[in-house]
């Protein structure tokens, strides 16, 4: 929705007010945003990575998701971006759409991989509260896919991306070597980050903060010279739990010795019985005191993390 001039103003503010070197600038866009003028402007501004909301290449699924682009337009958009000089891409795909079989999902993955984006992010279709989809579900107008169906599609995703040379470096993020998203990688590793604008969240290593998820409230506060930023200082237990929740979603996993040294909590001993049960299920991968999850473990990463919470 932002014009090139507005994006330039944001970037100029970053360069002027912050001491930083931007190694990678990702812009999220939809395929129908990728006109030649936009591509040329973005390239001029230093944007070097595009995250494209493809979701699906199937016409019926795109129509259901109320997407305005077609499968052909998605392919043309990627082709045009490459002609404009863009080399780094991420394609967003959504799985779990209810169907008689997995043919649509398999086809979506095949087409996406054939585009050779270097990075794919993929999430299951979820029914959020107070949405049209939730209303349809209550009225039986929409019947969600079963948990087993969605789990199978996750396994299909893992298999197809691995075969194509992608690494599942985070539960929902798949990248070829040297093409992991820098923002994603830092976020899941717990590196501090600054979020700007309505509903944006920030983290400095110990304190989390957020802006109100309301445009008018946000603007009204700024108009009254008030920064509408709410903070939450995390306790030692909170910091450990955050580390578990984010770290276990990644290939880097969690380091029990680090938890002991930084937080003086011997989590390995505290959770020894639970860890033994999880290992019996085949969910864990050990490298000395470093723990990451197996393919099947990644399917329930958040549940495993919660079971280990302090």
Foldseek 3Di string as FASTA:
>chain_A
DDDLVRVLVVVVCCVPPHPDDDPAAEDEDELVVQDLVVLLSCVVSPHQEYEYEPAFQDPVVCVVVVHPDHNVSNLVSLVSNVVSPHQAYEYEYEDQQDDPACVRLLVRLVVVVVSVRQKYFYYYDDDDPPDPVVVCVVVVVGDTDDPVRRLVSLVVVVVSLVVSQWDQFFLGMTGHPPRGDPVLVCVLQQDWDDFDDAQTWTDHNFKIKGAHNDRVVCVVCVVVVHHRIDMDGDDLLRSVLSNQLSQQRGPQADAQVVNCVPSVDNLCVVCVVVVVVCVVVVFWDDDPRGIYGDSVVNSVSNVSSVSSGD
